[in-house]
Amino acid sequence: MRFFDATYYPVPKSGSSSVKYLLMQVAGADQALDNPDDDVHHHLGTHLVDPFRPMHNADARPFTIVRDPVERLLSAYFDRVVKARQLVGEEADGELARELGLSLEPDLETFILKVEDYCRICADIRFHVASPRYFLGSNLFLFDRVFKLEKIDQVAAYISEIVGQDVSMPHIHVSSGQASPSDLSPAALAKALRFCRYDYAFLVDLYDAGRWGVIPRGTRRDPSTLSVYRDPAKYEDTSYPRTPRNLRNFLSKRPLDPALPKAD
């Protein structure tokens, strides 16, 4: 849509189906969708970015929607495991599941307690629970607007202003029968909070993990939404580990702005 003077950065399980469908409605392309719940993502994809690099198109009025990290994790279970049954189809590595002793039809508690293993056996699960940093980059301050999922109707007002016409937010791909984090056992809730610890740090101005409890102490080796694709604390080939502890050395080896020359 050439007249749409903004860039939407979708995050899985954070209202992306509804926003994409709204954008297709504005463009007059929604009639091409037989099943909006699923087809919308074939027309408007969701892409990974480098989670440790800031985005550079701030002039394009980028906006996004974020969600409470543990609630998003639970939503991924109900949508991808229960509704879409991604673990019982060809998408999942059944042989690896057997090696790991994983049920392909886990209940919520089992899924949470072994979420890093389920990410290993199924790319679709990995994609839907990965940290929002994999879809937004490292800096929310570069976005024109960051909306909370609970206030998704504000996105419709924002898009109405951009396109010059009143639009309303459709609500599609809403998973039913979801549990609340407060319904989890103490062990599963502790695991979920620890698994989402970096996301709460990333969204510190928007969501507080204290709503559900205290994030347990652990080590940097503990699995997280950032480690489902790679462990940012480890060396990979010849790249330097990009962690706050090594920020100075990292910057000297690879400037964040690709337009800048590398340091001698």
C-alpha atoms as a PDB file:
ATOM      1  CA  MET A   1       0.000   0.000   0.000  1.00  0.00           C
ATOM      2  CA  ARG A   2       1.981   2.940  -1.257  1.00  0.00           C
ATOM      3  CA  PHE A   3      -0.298   5.404   0.511  1.00  0.00           C
ATOM      4  CA  PHE A   4       0.310   3.750   3.889  1.00  0.00           C
ATOM      5  CA  ASP A   5       3.010   5.899   5.458  1.00  0.00           C
ATOM      6  CA  ALA A   6       4.034   3.507   8.240  1.00  0.00           C
ATOM      7  CA  THR A   7       5.744   0.155   8.781  1.00  0.00           C
ATOM      8  CA  TYR A   8       4.168  -2.561  10.903  1.00  0.00           C
ATOM      9  CA  TYR A   9       6.515  -4.934  12.739  1.00  0.00           C
ATOM     10  CA  PRO A  10       4.427  -7.981  13.727  1.00  0.00           C
ATOM     11  CA  VAL A  11       5.234 -10.194  16.706  1.00  0.00           C
ATOM     12  CA  PRO A  12       3.649 -13.682  16.777  1.00  0.00           C
ATOM     13  CA  LYS A  13       0.822 -14.115  19.283  1.00  0.00           C
ATOM     14  CA  SER A  14       0.520 -10.354  19.751  1.00  0.00           C
ATOM     15  CA  GLY A  15      -2.459  -9.430  17.605  1.00  0.00           C
ATOM     16  CA  SER A  16      -0.643  -9.728  14.290  1.00  0.00           C
ATOM     17  CA  SER A  17      -3.460 -11.614  12.526  1.00  0.00           C
ATOM     18  CA  SER A  18      -5.958  -8.882  13.327  1.00  0.00           C
ATOM     19  CA  VAL A  19      -3.681  -6.029  12.277  1.00  0.00           C
ATOM     20  CA  LYS A  20      -2.650  -7.753   9.055  1.00  0.00           C
ATOM     21  CA  TYR A  21      -6.290  -8.400   8.201  1.00  0.00           C
ATOM     22  CA  LEU A  22      -7.127  -4.750   8.882  1.00  0.00           C
ATOM     23  CA  LEU A  23      -4.316  -3.637   6.567  1.00  0.00           C
ATOM     24  CA  MET A  24      -5.631  -5.937   3.849  1.00  0.00           C
ATOM     25  CA  GLN A  25      -9.126  -4.512   4.361  1.00  0.00           C
ATOM     26  CA  VAL A  26      -7.767  -0.987   3.949  1.00  0.00           C
ATOM     27  CA  ALA A  27      -5.996  -2.099   0.764  1.00  0.00           C
ATOM     28  CA  GLY A  28      -9.160  -3.796  -0.532  1.00  0.00           C
ATOM     29  CA  ALA A  29      -7.377  -7.153  -0.645  1.00  0.00           C
ATOM     30  CA  ASP A  30      -9.261  -8.987   2.095  1.00  0.00           C
ATOM     31  CA  GLN A  31     -11.638 -10.661  -0.370  1.00  0.00           C
ATOM     32  CA  ALA A  32      -8.734 -12.845  -1.506  1.00  0.00           C
ATOM     33  CA  LEU A  33      -8.755 -14.616   1.865  1.00  0.00           C
ATOM     34  CA  ASP A  34     -10.839 -17.782   2.155  1.00  0.00           C
ATOM     35  CA  ASN A  35      -9.694 -18.314   5.743  1.00  0.00           C
ATOM     36  CA  PRO A  36      -8.458 -15.033   7.266  1.00  0.00           C
ATOM     37  CA  ASP A  37      -7.197 -16.772  10.434  1.00  0.00           C
ATOM     38  CA  ASP A  38      -4.437 -18.488   8.480  1.00  0.00           C
ATOM     39  CA  ASP A  39      -4.344 -17.047   4.957  1.00  0.00           C
ATOM     40  CA  VAL A  40      -3.496 -13.530   6.110  1.00  0.00           C
ATOM     41  CA  HIS A  41       0.018 -14.652   7.050  1.00  0.00           C
ATOM     42  CA  HIS A  42       0.631 -16.014   3.546  1.00  0.00           C
ATOM     43  CA  HIS A  43       0.002 -12.541   2.124  1.00  0.00           C
ATOM     44  CA  LEU A  44       1.718 -10.493   4.841  1.00  0.00           C
ATOM     45  CA  GLY A  45       4.564 -12.408   6.427  1.00  0.00           C
ATOM     46  CA  THR A  46       6.276 -12.073   9.783  1.00  0.00           C
ATOM     47  CA  HIS A  47      10.057 -11.930   9.593  1.00  0.00           C
ATOM     48  CA  LEU A  48      12.944 -12.415  11.966  1.00  0.00           C
ATOM     49  CA  VAL A  49      15.506  -9.680  12.548  1.00  0.00           C
ATOM     50  CA  ASP A  50      18.815  -9.577  14.390  1.00  0.00           C
ATOM     51  CA  PRO A  51      17.737  -9.303  18.050  1.00  0.00           C
ATOM     52  CA  PHE A  52      20.849  -7.355  18.988  1.00  0.00           C
ATOM     53  CA  ARG A  53      20.779  -4.713  16.264  1.00  0.00           C
ATOM     54  CA  PRO A  54      18.561  -1.641  16.337  1.00  0.00           C
ATOM     55  CA  MET A  55      16.255  -1.012  13.423  1.00  0.00           C
ATOM     56  CA  HIS A  56      17.241   1.841  11.118  1.00  0.00           C
ATOM     57  CA  ASN A  57      14.026   2.894   9.381  1.00  0.00           C
ATOM     58  CA  ALA A  58      12.674   5.097  12.148  1.00  0.00           C
ATOM     59  CA  ASP A  59      11.569   7.654   9.537  1.00  0.00           C
ATOM     60  CA  ALA A  60       9.027   5.157   8.215  1.00  0.00           C
ATOM     61  CA  ARG A  61       6.822   5.503  11.312  1.00  0.00           C
ATOM     62  CA  PRO A  62       7.392   1.933  12.512  1.00  0.00           C
ATOM     63  CA  PHE A  63       4.864   0.608  14.992  1.00  0.00           C
ATOM     64  CA  THR A  64       4.258  -2.678  16.767  1.00  0.00           C
ATOM     65  CA  ILE A  65       2.146  -4.445  19.374  1.00  0.00           C
ATOM     66  CA  VAL A  66       3.612  -6.257  22.367  1.00  0.00           C
ATOM     67  CA  ARG A  67       2.139  -8.550  24.987  1.00  0.00           C
ATOM     68  CA  ASP A  68       2.781  -9.744  28.515  1.00  0.00           C
ATOM     69  CA  PRO A  69       5.537 -12.356  27.955  1.00  0.00           C
ATOM     70  CA  VAL A  70       4.095 -15.214  30.005  1.00  0.00           C
ATOM     71  CA  GLU A  71       0.587 -14.660  28.634  1.00  0.00           C
ATOM     72  CA  ARG A  72       2.093 -14.768  25.136  1.00  0.00           C
ATOM     73  CA  LEU A  73       3.854 -18.057  25.962  1.00  0.00           C
ATOM     74  CA  LEU A  74       0.574 -19.597  27.104  1.00  0.00           C
ATOM     75  CA  SER A  75      -1.181 -18.311  24.001  1.00  0.00           C
ATOM     76  CA  ALA A  76       1.442 -20.014  21.829  1.00  0.00           C
ATOM     77  CA  TYR A  77       0.630 -23.312  23.528  1.00  0.00           C
ATOM     78  CA  PHE A  78      -3.133 -23.053  23.032  1.00  0.00           C
ATOM     79  CA  ASP A  79      -2.861 -21.825  19.460  1.00  0.00           C
ATOM     80  CA  ARG A  80      -0.010 -23.916  18.061  1.00  0.00           C
ATOM     81  CA  VAL A  81      -0.153 -27.085  20.186  1.00  0.00           C
ATOM     82  CA  VAL A  82      -3.875 -27.424  20.984  1.00  0.00           C
ATOM     83  CA  LYS A  83      -5.602 -25.682  18.067  1.00  0.00           C
ATOM     84  CA  ALA A  84      -3.161 -26.142  15.170  1.00  0.00           C
ATOM     85  CA  ARG A  85      -1.760 -29.463  16.516  1.00  0.00           C
ATOM     86  CA  GLN A  86       1.689 -28.662  15.210  1.00  0.00           C
ATOM     87  CA  LEU A  87       3.362 -31.350  17.308  1.00  0.00           C
ATOM     88  CA  VAL A  88       1.438 -34.279  15.841  1.00  0.00           C
ATOM     89  CA  GLY A  89       2.062 -33.457  12.180  1.00  0.00           C
ATOM     90  CA  GLU A  90       5.054 -33.485   9.891  1.00  0.00           C
ATOM     91  CA  GLU A  91       6.234 -30.154  11.280  1.00  0.00           C
ATOM     92  CA  ALA A  92       7.577 -31.827  14.421  1.00  0.00           C
ATOM     93  CA  ASP A  93      10.639 -34.080  14.624  1.00  0.00           C
ATOM     94  CA  GLY A  94       9.060 -37.218  16.064  1.00  0.00           C
ATOM     95  CA  GLU A  95      12.341 -39.110  16.280  1.00  0.00           C
ATOM     96  CA  LEU A  96      13.979 -36.368  18.324  1.00  0.00           C
ATOM     97  CA  ALA A  97      10.855 -36.183  20.483  1.00  0.00           C
ATOM     98  CA  ARG A  98      11.220 -39.874  21.293  1.00  0.00           C
ATOM     99  CA  GLU A  99      14.889 -39.409  22.120  1.00  0.00           C
ATOM    100  CA  LEU A 100      13.987 -36.589  24.487  1.00  0.00           C
ATOM    101  CA  GLY A 101      11.061 -38.491  25.974  1.00  0.00           C
ATOM    102  CA  LEU A 102       8.541 -35.838  24.929  1.00  0.00           C
ATOM    103  CA  SER A 103       4.823 -36.335  24.561  1.00  0.00           C
ATOM    104  CA  LEU A 104       3.528 -34.964  21.250  1.00  0.00           C
ATOM    105  CA  GLU A 105       0.252 -34.048  22.960  1.00  0.00           C
ATOM    106  CA  PRO A 106       1.487 -32.381  26.146  1.00  0.00           C
ATOM    107  CA  ASP A 107      -0.739 -30.676  28.652  1.00  0.00           C
ATOM    108  CA  LEU A 108       0.063 -27.066  29.458  1.00  0.00           C
ATOM    109  CA  GLU A 109       2.196 -27.877  32.508  1.00  0.00           C
ATOM    110  CA  THR A 110       4.330 -30.366  30.587  1.00  0.00           C
ATOM    111  CA  PHE A 111       4.776 -27.970  27.694  1.00  0.00           C
ATOM    112  CA  ILE A 112       5.932 -25.129  29.944  1.00  0.00           C
ATOM    113  CA  LEU A 113       8.306 -27.277  31.978  1.00  0.00           C
ATOM    114  CA  LYS A 114       9.956 -28.623  28.805  1.00  0.00           C
ATOM    115  CA  VAL A 115       9.392 -25.686  26.481  1.00  0.00           C
ATOM    116  CA  GLU A 116      13.007 -25.485  25.300  1.00  0.00           C
ATOM    117  CA  ASP A 117      12.819 -29.131  24.174  1.00  0.00           C
ATOM    118  CA  TYR A 118       9.574 -28.537  22.312  1.00  0.00           C
ATOM    119  CA  CYS A 119      11.276 -25.638  20.566  1.00  0.00           C
ATOM    120  CA  ARG A 120      14.002 -28.054  19.482  1.00  0.00           C
ATOM    121  CA  ILE A 121      11.609 -30.492  17.840  1.00  0.00           C
ATOM    122  CA  CYS A 122       9.312 -28.003  16.081  1.00  0.00           C
ATOM    123  CA  ALA A 123      10.267 -24.861  14.170  1.00  0.00           C
ATOM    124  CA  ASP A 124       6.708 -23.531  14.352  1.00  0.00           C
ATOM    125  CA  ILE A 125       6.739 -23.674  18.153  1.00  0.00           C
ATOM    126  CA  ARG A 126      10.169 -22.056  18.213  1.00  0.00           C
ATOM    127  CA  PHE A 127       8.962 -19.233  15.978  1.00  0.00           C
ATOM    128  CA  HIS A 128       5.891 -18.486  18.088  1.00  0.00           C
ATOM    129  CA  VAL A 129       7.622 -18.431  21.477  1.00  0.00           C
ATOM    130  CA  ALA A 130      10.811 -16.644  20.373  1.00  0.00           C
ATOM    131  CA  SER A 131      11.567 -13.353  22.085  1.00  0.00           C
ATOM    132  CA  PRO A 132       9.943 -10.237  20.620  1.00  0.00           C
ATOM    133  CA  ARG A 133      13.509  -9.015  20.115  1.00  0.00           C
ATOM    134  CA  TYR A 134      13.747 -11.466  17.202  1.00  0.00           C
ATOM    135  CA  PHE A 135      11.005  -9.474  15.484  1.00  0.00           C
ATOM    136  CA  LEU A 136      11.683  -5.925  16.716  1.00  0.00           C
ATOM    137  CA  GLY A 137      15.434  -5.590  17.192  1.00  0.00           C
ATOM    138  CA  SER A 138      17.095  -4.174  20.251  1.00  0.00           C
ATOM    139  CA  ASN A 139      15.513  -0.779  20.830  1.00  0.00           C
ATOM    140  CA  LEU A 140      11.830   0.062  21.284  1.00  0.00           C
ATOM    141  CA  PHE A 141      12.640   3.771  21.430  1.00  0.00           C
ATOM    142  CA  LEU A 142      13.113   3.803  17.661  1.00  0.00           C
ATOM    143  CA  PHE A 143       9.454   2.924  17.100  1.00  0.00           C
ATOM    144  CA  ASP A 144       6.924   5.632  16.425  1.00  0.00           C
ATOM    145  CA  ARG A 145       4.371   3.813  18.564  1.00  0.00           C
ATOM    146  CA  VAL A 146       4.451   0.670  20.713  1.00  0.00           C
ATOM    147  CA  PHE A 147       0.985  -0.584  21.621  1.00  0.00           C
ATOM    148  CA  LYS A 148      -0.027  -3.081  24.293  1.00  0.00           C
ATOM    149  CA  LEU A 149      -2.209  -5.944  23.123  1.00  0.00           C
ATOM    150  CA  GLU A 150      -4.796  -5.076  25.762  1.00  0.00           C
ATOM    151  CA  LYS A 151      -5.278  -1.758  23.978  1.00  0.00           C
ATOM    152  CA  ILE A 152      -5.214  -3.052  20.421  1.00  0.00           C
ATOM    153  CA  ASP A 153      -8.178  -0.849  19.482  1.00  0.00           C
ATOM    154  CA  GLN A 154      -5.767   2.093  19.742  1.00  0.00           C
ATOM    155  CA  VAL A 155      -4.035   0.627  16.683  1.00  0.00           C
ATOM    156  CA  ALA A 156      -7.208   1.118  14.653  1.00  0.00           C
ATOM    157  CA  ALA A 157      -7.261   4.799  15.630  1.00  0.00           C
ATOM    158  CA  TYR A 158      -3.588   5.088  14.692  1.00  0.00           C
ATOM    159  CA  ILE A 159      -4.169   3.475  11.284  1.00  0.00           C
ATOM    160  CA  SER A 160      -7.284   5.619  10.756  1.00  0.00           C
ATOM    161  CA  GLU A 161      -5.134   8.708  11.188  1.00  0.00           C
ATOM    162  CA  ILE A 162      -2.553   7.426   8.711  1.00  0.00           C
ATOM    163  CA  VAL A 163      -4.974   6.395   5.951  1.00  0.00           C
ATOM    164  CA  GLY A 164      -7.414   9.264   6.438  1.00  0.00           C
ATOM    165  CA  GLN A 165     -10.501   7.129   7.035  1.00  0.00           C
ATOM    166  CA  ASP A 166     -12.173   5.536  10.050  1.00  0.00           C
ATOM    167  CA  VAL A 167     -11.389   1.844  10.455  1.00  0.00           C
ATOM    168  CA  SER A 168     -12.204  -0.605  13.228  1.00  0.00           C
ATOM    169  CA  MET A 169     -10.043  -3.434  14.487  1.00  0.00           C
ATOM    170  CA  PRO A 170     -11.191  -6.945  13.544  1.00  0.00           C
ATOM    171  CA  HIS A 171     -10.498  -9.642  16.108  1.00  0.00           C
ATOM    172  CA  ILE A 172      -9.436 -12.852  14.391  1.00  0.00           C
ATOM    173  CA  HIS A 173      -7.308 -15.839  15.341  1.00  0.00           C
ATOM    174  CA  VAL A 174      -8.274 -15.531  19.011  1.00  0.00           C
ATOM    175  CA  SER A 175      -7.449 -18.758  20.858  1.00  0.00           C
ATOM    176  CA  SER A 176     -10.194 -20.052  23.111  1.00  0.00           C
ATOM    177  CA  GLY A 177      -9.984 -21.893  26.402  1.00  0.00           C
ATOM    178  CA  GLN A 178      -6.786 -20.211  27.503  1.00  0.00           C
ATOM    179  CA  ALA A 179      -5.525 -20.424  31.053  1.00  0.00           C
ATOM    180  CA  SER A 180      -4.052 -17.566  33.019  1.00  0.00           C
ATOM    181  CA  PRO A 181      -0.484 -17.640  34.345  1.00  0.00           C
ATOM    182  CA  SER A 182      -2.027 -17.660  37.820  1.00  0.00           C
ATOM    183  CA  ASP A 183      -3.553 -21.067  36.969  1.00  0.00           C
ATOM    184  CA  LEU A 184      -0.114 -22.670  36.566  1.00  0.00           C
ATOM    185  CA  SER A 185       1.509 -24.739  39.281  1.00  0.00           C
ATOM    186  CA  PRO A 186       4.282 -22.956  41.219  1.00  0.00           C
ATOM    187  CA  ALA A 187       6.917 -24.992  39.336  1.00  0.00           C
ATOM    188  CA  ALA A 188       5.477 -24.236  35.887  1.00  0.00           C
ATOM    189  CA  LEU A 189       4.971 -20.551  36.676  1.00  0.00           C
ATOM    190  CA  ALA A 190       8.547 -20.267  37.943  1.00  0.00           C
ATOM    191  CA  LYS A 191       9.793 -21.915  34.739  1.00  0.00           C
ATOM    192  CA  ALA A 192       7.671 -19.621  32.558  1.00  0.00           C
ATOM    193  CA  LEU A 193       8.896 -16.497  34.344  1.00  0.00           C
ATOM    194  CA  ARG A 194      12.521 -17.607  34.119  1.00  0.00           C
ATOM    195  CA  PHE A 195      12.100 -18.527  30.442  1.00  0.00           C
ATOM    196  CA  CYS A 196      10.662 -15.051  29.705  1.00  0.00           C
ATOM    197  CA  ARG A 197      13.079 -13.102  31.903  1.00  0.00           C
ATOM    198  CA  TYR A 198      14.765 -11.201  29.068  1.00  0.00           C
ATOM    199  CA  ASP A 199      11.421 -10.230  27.587  1.00  0.00           C
ATOM    200  CA  TYR A 200      10.320  -8.636  30.829  1.00  0.00           C
ATOM    201  CA  ALA A 201      13.585  -6.710  30.847  1.00  0.00           C
ATOM    202  CA  PHE A 202      12.973  -5.644  27.232  1.00  0.00           C
ATOM    203  CA  LEU A 203       9.397  -4.555  27.999  1.00  0.00           C
ATOM    204  CA  VAL A 204      10.165  -3.158  31.436  1.00  0.00           C
ATOM    205  CA  ASP A 205       8.193   0.057  30.836  1.00  0.00           C
ATOM    206  CA  LEU A 206       5.119  -1.868  29.713  1.00  0.00           C
ATOM    207  CA  TYR A 207       4.890  -5.131  31.672  1.00  0.00           C
ATOM    208  CA  ASP A 208       5.920  -6.195  35.165  1.00  0.00           C
ATOM    209  CA  ALA A 209       6.628  -9.832  35.928  1.00  0.00           C
ATOM    210  CA  GLY A 210       5.686  -9.055  39.524  1.00  0.00           C
ATOM    211  CA  ARG A 211       2.077  -9.327  38.417  1.00  0.00           C
ATOM    212  CA  TRP A 212       2.582 -13.100  38.450  1.00  0.00           C
ATOM    213  CA  GLY A 213       5.413 -13.534  40.935  1.00  0.00           C
ATOM    214  CA  VAL A 214       9.159 -13.217  41.366  1.00  0.00           C
ATOM    215  CA  ILE A 215      11.445 -14.340  38.552  1.00  0.00           C
ATOM    216  CA  PRO A 216      13.582 -17.111  40.099  1.00  0.00           C
ATOM    217  CA  ARG A 217      17.313 -16.649  40.284  1.00  0.00           C
ATOM    218  CA  GLY A 218      19.436 -18.783  37.995  1.00  0.00           C
ATOM    219  CA  THR A 219      22.358 -18.656  35.599  1.00  0.00           C
ATOM    220  CA  ARG A 220      22.773 -17.158  32.149  1.00  0.00           C
ATOM    221  CA  ARG A 221      22.803 -20.700  30.789  1.00  0.00           C
ATOM    222  CA  ASP A 222      19.149 -21.208  31.709  1.00  0.00           C
ATOM    223  CA  PRO A 223      16.944 -21.514  28.603  1.00  0.00           C
ATOM    224  CA  SER A 224      15.067 -18.425  27.537  1.00  0.00           C
ATOM    225  CA  THR A 225      13.060 -17.029  24.660  1.00  0.00           C
ATOM    226  CA  LEU A 226      16.349 -15.652  23.329  1.00  0.00           C
ATOM    227  CA  SER A 227      18.080 -19.021  23.365  1.00  0.00           C
ATOM    228  CA  VAL A 228      15.502 -20.883  21.262  1.00  0.00           C
ATOM    229  CA  TYR A 229      17.410 -19.848  18.121  1.00  0.00           C
ATOM    230  CA  ARG A 230      20.869 -19.370  19.580  1.00  0.00           C
ATOM    231  CA  ASP A 231      22.583 -18.769  22.895  1.00  0.00           C
ATOM    232  CA  PRO A 232      23.692 -15.103  22.887  1.00  0.00           C
ATOM    233  CA  ALA A 233      26.129 -15.862  25.705  1.00  0.00           C
ATOM    234  CA  LYS A 234      28.187 -18.278  23.623  1.00  0.00           C
ATOM    235  CA  TYR A 235      30.841 -17.783  20.977  1.00  0.00           C
ATOM    236  CA  GLU A 236      29.653 -18.752  17.508  1.00  0.00           C
ATOM    237  CA  ASP A 237      32.364 -19.367  14.936  1.00  0.00           C
ATOM    238  CA  THR A 238      34.448 -16.188  14.990  1.00  0.00           C
ATOM    239  CA  SER A 239      31.727 -13.782  16.125  1.00  0.00           C
ATOM    240  CA  TYR A 240      32.032 -12.111  19.479  1.00  0.00           C
ATOM    241  CA  PRO A 241      29.322 -12.929  22.040  1.00  0.00           C
ATOM    242  CA  ARG A 242      26.949  -9.966  22.035  1.00  0.00           C
ATOM    243  CA  THR A 243      26.129  -9.475  25.683  1.00  0.00           C
ATOM    244  CA  PRO A 244      26.127  -6.336  27.851  1.00  0.00           C
ATOM    245  CA  ARG A 245      29.201  -7.680  29.610  1.00  0.00           C
ATOM    246  CA  ASN A 246      31.121  -7.514  26.338  1.00  0.00           C
ATOM    247  CA  LEU A 247      29.471  -4.479  24.802  1.00  0.00           C
ATOM    248  CA  ARG A 248      32.654  -2.402  24.505  1.00  0.00           C
ATOM    249  CA  ASN A 249      34.570  -5.138  22.744  1.00  0.00           C
ATOM    250  CA  PHE A 250      31.604  -5.936  20.519  1.00  0.00           C
ATOM    251  CA  LEU A 251      31.231  -2.323  19.422  1.00  0.00           C
ATOM    252  CA  SER A 252      34.913  -2.152  18.559  1.00  0.00           C
ATOM    253  CA  LYS A 253      34.541  -5.220  16.332  1.00  0.00           C
ATOM    254  CA  ARG A 254      31.178  -4.536  14.700  1.00  0.00           C
ATOM    255  CA  PRO A 255      29.559  -1.073  14.808  1.00  0.00           C
ATOM    256  CA  LEU A 256      25.790  -1.111  15.282  1.00  0.00           C
ATOM    257  CA  ASP A 257      25.373   1.272  12.368  1.00  0.00           C
ATOM    258  CA  PRO A 258      26.478  -0.629   9.224  1.00  0.00           C
ATOM    259  CA  ALA A 259      27.216   2.683   7.517  1.00  0.00           C
ATOM    260  CA  LEU A 260      30.071   3.367   9.927  1.00  0.00           C
ATOM    261  CA  PRO A 261      33.526   1.954   9.211  1.00  0.00           C
ATOM    262  CA  LYS A 262      34.851  -0.765  11.445  1.00  0.00           C
ATOM    263  CA  ALA A 263      37.384   0.231  14.052  1.00  0.00           C
ATOM    264  CA  ASP A 264      41.014  -0.559  13.259  1.00  0.00           C
END
